[in-house]
Amino acid sequence: MGLALSDDVLYMNLLSSSMVSNIHSDSELPSLVLKTRLVLQNFSVAAIKLWKQIQEVRRCRQSVIVEMEKNETFSINDTEEAKADRLSAQVSHACCPHNNIHICDLSNERKYRSLSNRAWHSFYVELCLSALVIFNTVLLATLLLKTKRSLSTATVLFVFNIMFSNLLFFSSFVFFMGSLFDDRPYGSVNEDYMDKSPELVVAETLQTHLFASNEFRKHLVQETLYSLAQNGSLIGLIHLLVLVLLVINRSMSGKCIHLSRVSVVSVFACVWVFLIMSHVLFSTLQINAIRNLDELFETLSKGKTYLHTARSNYEEIATQCDRTAVFHAFGAYLLRGHTLFTLLFLAASITIFTITVAYHCRIRRQHDFIHSGLRDQSPHRRREKLFHTLIFSIATFFVSVLGQTYIEIAVFWVDDREEVANLSKWYHFARIAAFVDPVLNPLIVVARTPALRRQLRAQWTSLRSKTSSRSAKSRRAVGGKASIRRSNSQQNRCDVEVKLVKPDRPASQTYSTRRSQDSQTHNSVV
């Protein structure tokens, strides 16, 4: 009986189609793929690309209608139903891609256009914020190069942590934006989800594209850089926070502080090396997992097609299901690895941050009574200010990842794919909020570090002086007579000298008082 049925081509076609539908509806793998950060991040790009395809089909349909009316293809005796059937057949032949034929049957085009417009607006905002991130990072690097001799080692590491995290963040954004300039469409529209919401249709087009072995490597690099930027920024700040608290505690207890610069820098470097190695290792595991998933999704994306042989598609799907069976148990960890990394580091950092702040408040209350005059000393004030700056920076990071973390946690507990797709369309707003950390952290460290703040003020004063001197020279060149021009040039020269002396006078007055403070900060670890 079974052998007889296996030789029946019609029966095997029906069985193969049933397997495709059942895997799409019942398997955990498509659901896990839909909940990954890759799909959440690229949802807006997929909405733009799908709307471009819909627009191409619309333009092609209009041209076909005009061409058929121009050539008088319709006869007078044809009924409206016959005209519609002939038009539909011509549009399907001329406009519908052979590998994405179901895109011609999509409805609710207004919703797809709304998703695309919203995605474009978010990209424009992200582009402006990325330019601001680069400007702030370059400004911070310039100030660091000019003031590195007057900064403590902990402050230099603090600034370096911000700059390196911003560089990784911008690199991930460049990889992400590269998909917009690629004219190739994403995956085809799945026949099983034609009657579903537009959000789910957009999300399903990402499966066969993002998890193709050649595309997955590119998107995995972007996700690894993005995860490293966020996790590295947080873990680096937490490490420096604990270091500064240790120094403050020992100094308030009257104990000697034996911290060498080499040891502090080495521990900080080990933290970053551990983060980089762990992310690279997990990305390698993901690549190996995706190779088998890619083959399965490629077969499923073919849809309900007729077979030339009786057993080929059935056996192919069965073999690929056997290969990917292990991912039903471990797929949640392999496919959502970077999300779990971020949540794990975030939970650990919040715990350490809370314990550190509570412990600092407790030891401060204990030592205020015994060492009432210690707070007025310059090293202690500097360390307290650095500690508070680190707290502000970490709090800024928590605010920036709040929306992103909420959506990534929410999709864990949602089983319905349409609800997951509805959450995905809001993820690009959370990605915009993530720019709060790389944009504000350079400004926070400059505003709360005296040496950086003085250097920025000096640069601004010098820039204004050069601008005023150039404007004075241009005014002198426009004069009329020689005597009037000479008198005006002398008067303008005096004005320029007054303008140049005024900003420098407070700095010269306070230079002697700050020299001792800078000498104490120089060669200081914290």
Foldseek 3Di string as FASTA:
>chain_A
DVVVLLQDQVSLLVVLQVVLVCCVVPNCVVLLLLLAVLLLLCLLVLLQLLLVLLVQLVVLLVVLVVVCVVVVVDDPPDDPVRVVVVSVVVSLVRRADPLASCSNVADPSVVSVVSNVVSVVLVVLVVVLLVLLVVLLVLLVVLCVVCVQLFAQLLNLLNVLLNVLSVLQSVLVVLSCVSNVDNDHAAHFAPVCRVPDPLLRSSVSHQLGCLALVNVVSSLSSLLSNLLSLLSSLVLLLLSLVVLLVVLLCVLVVHDDDDASVVVVVVSVVVSVVSNVVSVVLSVVLSVLSNLVNQLVVLSSSHSDRDPGSCVSVVSNVVSCVVNVVCSVVVSCSRHVSLVVNVVSVVVSVVSLVVSVVVSVVSCVVSCVVCVPPCVDLVSVQSVLVSVLSVVLNVQSCQLQVLVNVLSVVSVPDDDSSVSSVSSSCNSVSVSSNSSNSNCSSVSSCVSDVSSVVVVVVVVLVVVLVVLVVVLVVVLVVDDDPVVSVVSNVVSVVVSVVSNCVVCVVVVVCVVVCVVVSVVSRPHND
